C-alpha atoms as a PDB file:
ATOM      1  CA  MET A   1     -14.508 313.021 233.038  1.00  0.00           C
ATOM      2  CA  ASN A   2     -17.275 310.706 232.193  1.00  0.00           C
ATOM      3  CA  ASN A   3     -17.538 307.191 230.301  1.00  0.00           C
ATOM      4  CA  ARG A   4     -19.158 308.944 227.427  1.00  0.00           C
ATOM      5  CA  TRP A   5     -15.980 310.954 226.894  1.00  0.00           C
ATOM      6  CA  TYR A   6     -13.509 308.000 227.143  1.00  0.00           C
ATOM      7  CA  GLY A   7     -15.543 306.134 224.646  1.00  0.00           C
ATOM      8  CA  THR A   8     -15.173 308.820 222.098  1.00  0.00           C
ATOM      9  CA  MET A   9     -11.436 309.099 222.797  1.00  0.00           C
ATOM     10  CA  ALA A  10     -11.164 305.285 222.239  1.00  0.00           C
ATOM     11  CA  MET A  11     -13.150 305.313 219.003  1.00  0.00           C
ATOM     12  CA  LEU A  12     -11.133 308.198 217.696  1.00  0.00           C
ATOM     13  CA  LEU A  13      -7.823 306.446 218.678  1.00  0.00           C
ATOM     14  CA  GLY A  14      -9.233 303.029 217.027  1.00  0.00           C
ATOM     15  CA  ILE A  15      -9.805 304.980 213.866  1.00  0.00           C
ATOM     16  CA  ILE A  16      -6.391 306.550 213.592  1.00  0.00           C
ATOM     17  CA  SER A  17      -4.874 303.064 214.703  1.00  0.00           C
ATOM     18  CA  PHE A  18      -6.766 301.431 211.801  1.00  0.00           C
ATOM     19  CA  PHE A  19      -5.355 303.717 209.169  1.00  0.00           C
ATOM     20  CA  THR A  20      -1.954 303.667 210.575  1.00  0.00           C
ATOM     21  CA  GLY A  21      -1.488 299.934 210.814  1.00  0.00           C
ATOM     22  CA  GLU A  22      -0.900 299.875 214.683  1.00  0.00           C
ATOM     23  CA  ILE A  23      -4.102 297.690 215.871  1.00  0.00           C
ATOM     24  CA  VAL A  24      -2.005 295.718 218.469  1.00  0.00           C
ATOM     25  CA  THR A  25      -0.870 298.879 219.809  1.00  0.00           C
ATOM     26  CA  PHE A  26      -4.214 300.423 220.236  1.00  0.00           C
ATOM     27  CA  ILE A  27      -5.657 297.100 221.895  1.00  0.00           C
ATOM     28  CA  MET A  28      -2.799 297.088 224.455  1.00  0.00           C
ATOM     29  CA  LEU A  29      -3.311 300.557 225.119  1.00  0.00           C
ATOM     30  CA  SER A  30      -6.866 299.993 225.548  1.00  0.00           C
ATOM     31  CA  PHE A  31      -6.210 297.616 228.195  1.00  0.00           C
ATOM     32  CA  ILE A  32      -4.061 300.023 230.090  1.00  0.00           C
ATOM     33  CA  LEU A  33      -6.655 302.809 229.965  1.00  0.00           C
ATOM     34  CA  MET A  34      -9.363 300.454 231.227  1.00  0.00           C
ATOM     35  CA  ALA A  35      -6.967 299.547 234.120  1.00  0.00           C
ATOM     36  CA  LEU A  36      -6.436 303.254 235.108  1.00  0.00           C
ATOM     37  CA  ILE A  37      -9.777 304.234 234.582  1.00  0.00           C
ATOM     38  CA  ASN A  38     -10.741 301.487 237.206  1.00  0.00           C
ATOM     39  CA  ILE A  39      -8.163 302.428 239.515  1.00  0.00           C
ATOM     40  CA  ASN A  40      -9.121 305.885 239.416  1.00  0.00           C
ATOM     41  CA  THR A  41     -12.821 305.032 239.968  1.00  0.00           C
ATOM     42  CA  THR A  42     -11.777 303.123 243.235  1.00  0.00           C
ATOM     43  CA  LEU A  43      -9.485 305.631 244.532  1.00  0.00           C
ATOM     44  CA  LYS A  44     -12.655 308.338 243.924  1.00  0.00           C
ATOM     45  CA  ALA A  45     -14.726 305.982 245.938  1.00  0.00           C
ATOM     46  CA  ASN A  46     -12.288 305.501 248.791  1.00  0.00           C
ATOM     47  CA  HIS A  47     -11.707 309.227 248.911  1.00  0.00           C
ATOM     48  CA  LYS A  48     -15.209 310.000 249.055  1.00  0.00           C
ATOM     49  CA  LYS A  49     -15.871 307.227 251.984  1.00  0.00           C
ATOM     50  CA  GLU A  50     -13.100 308.514 253.789  1.00  0.00           C
ATOM     51  CA  TRP A  51     -14.288 312.068 253.595  1.00  0.00           C
ATOM     52  CA  GLU A  52     -17.777 311.459 254.673  1.00  0.00           C
ATOM     53  CA  ARG A  53     -16.351 309.359 257.787  1.00  0.00           C
ATOM     54  CA  LYS A  54     -14.251 312.393 258.784  1.00  0.00           C
ATOM     55  CA  GLU A  55     -17.111 314.516 258.567  1.00  0.00           C
ATOM     56  CA  ARG A  56     -19.041 312.507 261.482  1.00  0.00           C
END
């Protein structure tokens, strides 16, 4: 998925959390989501580098 999809989902969850009163939960889950996205991006980059190295 790309960053636009993540932004759309975050906005949707933010609107829902505003009406349900769960703002703090939304903020904490946003931090967790950002960390997981960073981990996923790093793992993909490492896998791509490893794959390119093995092809040589």
